[in-house]
Amino acid sequence: NLPKKLPVIQSQPTKRIYRTNY
């Protein structure tokens, strides 16, 4: 859901999803 460009800091709780999405 979150764009790859979004910083991981802002998505701290979504770090796991951010990494998987990337």
PDB file of N, CA and C in Angstrom:
ATOM      1  N   ASN A   1       0.833  -1.208   0.000  1.00  0.00           N
ATOM      2  CA  ASN A   1       0.000   0.000   0.000  1.00  0.00           C
ATOM      3  C   ASN A   1       0.867   1.258   0.000  1.00  0.00           C
ATOM      4  N   LEU A   2       1.920   1.208   0.774  1.00  0.00           N
ATOM      5  CA  LEU A   2       2.785   2.386   0.861  1.00  0.00           C
ATOM      6  C   LEU A   2       3.786   2.382  -0.292  1.00  0.00           C
ATOM      7  N   PRO A   3       4.066   3.563  -0.817  1.00  0.00           N
ATOM      8  CA  PRO A   3       5.027   3.645  -1.923  1.00  0.00           C
ATOM      9  C   PRO A   3       6.441   3.334  -1.447  1.00  0.00           C
ATOM     10  N   LYS A   4       7.254   2.865  -2.372  1.00  0.00           N
ATOM     11  CA  LYS A   4       8.637   2.519  -2.006  1.00  0.00           C
ATOM     12  C   LYS A   4       9.438   3.768  -1.643  1.00  0.00           C
ATOM     13  N   LYS A   5       9.025   4.889  -2.213  1.00  0.00           N
ATOM     14  CA  LYS A   5       9.742   6.133  -1.967  1.00  0.00           C
ATOM     15  C   LYS A   5       9.514   6.632  -0.534  1.00  0.00           C
ATOM     16  N   LEU A   6       8.427   6.175   0.080  1.00  0.00           N
ATOM     17  CA  LEU A   6       8.126   6.620   1.439  1.00  0.00           C
ATOM     18  C   LEU A   6       9.254   6.210   2.387  1.00  0.00           C
ATOM     19  N   PRO A   7       9.639   7.101   3.296  1.00  0.00           N
ATOM     20  CA  PRO A   7      10.712   6.790   4.244  1.00  0.00           C
ATOM     21  C   PRO A   7      10.288   5.719   5.235  1.00  0.00           C
ATOM     22  N   VAL A   8      11.228   4.892   5.631  1.00  0.00           N
ATOM     23  CA  VAL A   8      10.915   3.813   6.563  1.00  0.00           C
ATOM     24  C   VAL A   8      10.640   4.389   7.950  1.00  0.00           C
ATOM     25  N   ILE A   9      11.218   5.550   8.226  1.00  0.00           N
ATOM     26  CA  ILE A   9      11.041   6.172   9.541  1.00  0.00           C
ATOM     27  C   ILE A   9       9.560   6.475   9.786  1.00  0.00           C
ATOM     28  N   GLN A  10       8.909   6.993   8.759  1.00  0.00           N
ATOM     29  CA  GLN A  10       7.489   7.331   8.911  1.00  0.00           C
ATOM     30  C   GLN A  10       6.652   6.060   9.054  1.00  0.00           C
ATOM     31  N   SER A  11       7.106   4.993   8.444  1.00  0.00           N
ATOM     32  CA  SER A  11       6.356   3.724   8.498  1.00  0.00           C
ATOM     33  C   SER A  11       7.042   2.750   9.447  1.00  0.00           C
ATOM     34  N   GLN A  12       7.439   3.261  10.599  1.00  0.00           N
ATOM     35  CA  GLN A  12       8.118   2.400  11.572  1.00  0.00           C
ATOM     36  C   GLN A  12       7.340   1.116  11.845  1.00  0.00           C
ATOM     37  N   PRO A  13       6.042   1.225  12.201  1.00  0.00           N
ATOM     38  CA  PRO A  13       5.274   0.014  12.469  1.00  0.00           C
ATOM     39  C   PRO A  13       5.043  -0.825  11.209  1.00  0.00           C
ATOM     40  N   THR A  14       5.218  -0.195  10.069  1.00  0.00           N
ATOM     41  CA  THR A  14       4.986  -0.911   8.803  1.00  0.00           C
ATOM     42  C   THR A  14       6.322  -1.261   8.150  1.00  0.00           C
ATOM     43  N   LYS A  15       7.373  -1.248   8.943  1.00  0.00           N
ATOM     44  CA  LYS A  15       8.702  -1.533   8.390  1.00  0.00           C
ATOM     45  C   LYS A  15       8.711  -2.894   7.715  1.00  0.00           C
ATOM     46  N   ARG A  16       8.065  -3.873   8.354  1.00  0.00           N
ATOM     47  CA  ARG A  16       8.071  -5.226   7.807  1.00  0.00           C
ATOM     48  C   ARG A  16       7.356  -5.242   6.453  1.00  0.00           C
ATOM     49  N   ILE A  17       6.214  -4.567   6.372  1.00  0.00           N
ATOM     50  CA  ILE A  17       5.455  -4.547   5.104  1.00  0.00           C
ATOM     51  C   ILE A  17       6.250  -3.753   4.062  1.00  0.00           C
ATOM     52  N   TYR A  18       6.853  -2.661   4.499  1.00  0.00           N
ATOM     53  CA  TYR A  18       7.617  -1.815   3.576  1.00  0.00           C
ATOM     54  C   TYR A  18       8.738  -2.648   2.938  1.00  0.00           C
ATOM     55  N   ARG A  19       9.416  -3.420   3.756  1.00  0.00           N
ATOM     56  CA  ARG A  19      10.526  -4.231   3.254  1.00  0.00           C
ATOM     57  C   ARG A  19       9.995  -5.324   2.308  1.00  0.00           C
ATOM     58  N   THR A  20       8.864  -5.892   2.647  1.00  0.00           N
ATOM     59  CA  THR A  20       8.300  -6.956   1.800  1.00  0.00           C
ATOM     60  C   THR A  20       7.754  -6.356   0.503  1.00  0.00           C
ATOM     61  N   ASN A  21       7.185  -5.153   0.609  1.00  0.00           N
ATOM     62  CA  ASN A  21       6.627  -4.504  -0.568  1.00  0.00           C
ATOM     63  C   ASN A  21       7.750  -4.093  -1.515  1.00  0.00           C
ATOM     64  N   TYR A  22       8.837  -3.668  -0.941  1.00  0.00           N
ATOM     65  CA  TYR A  22       9.966  -3.211  -1.746  1.00  0.00           C
ATOM     66  C   TYR A  22      10.507  -4.385  -2.575  1.00  0.00           C
TER      67      TYR A  22
END
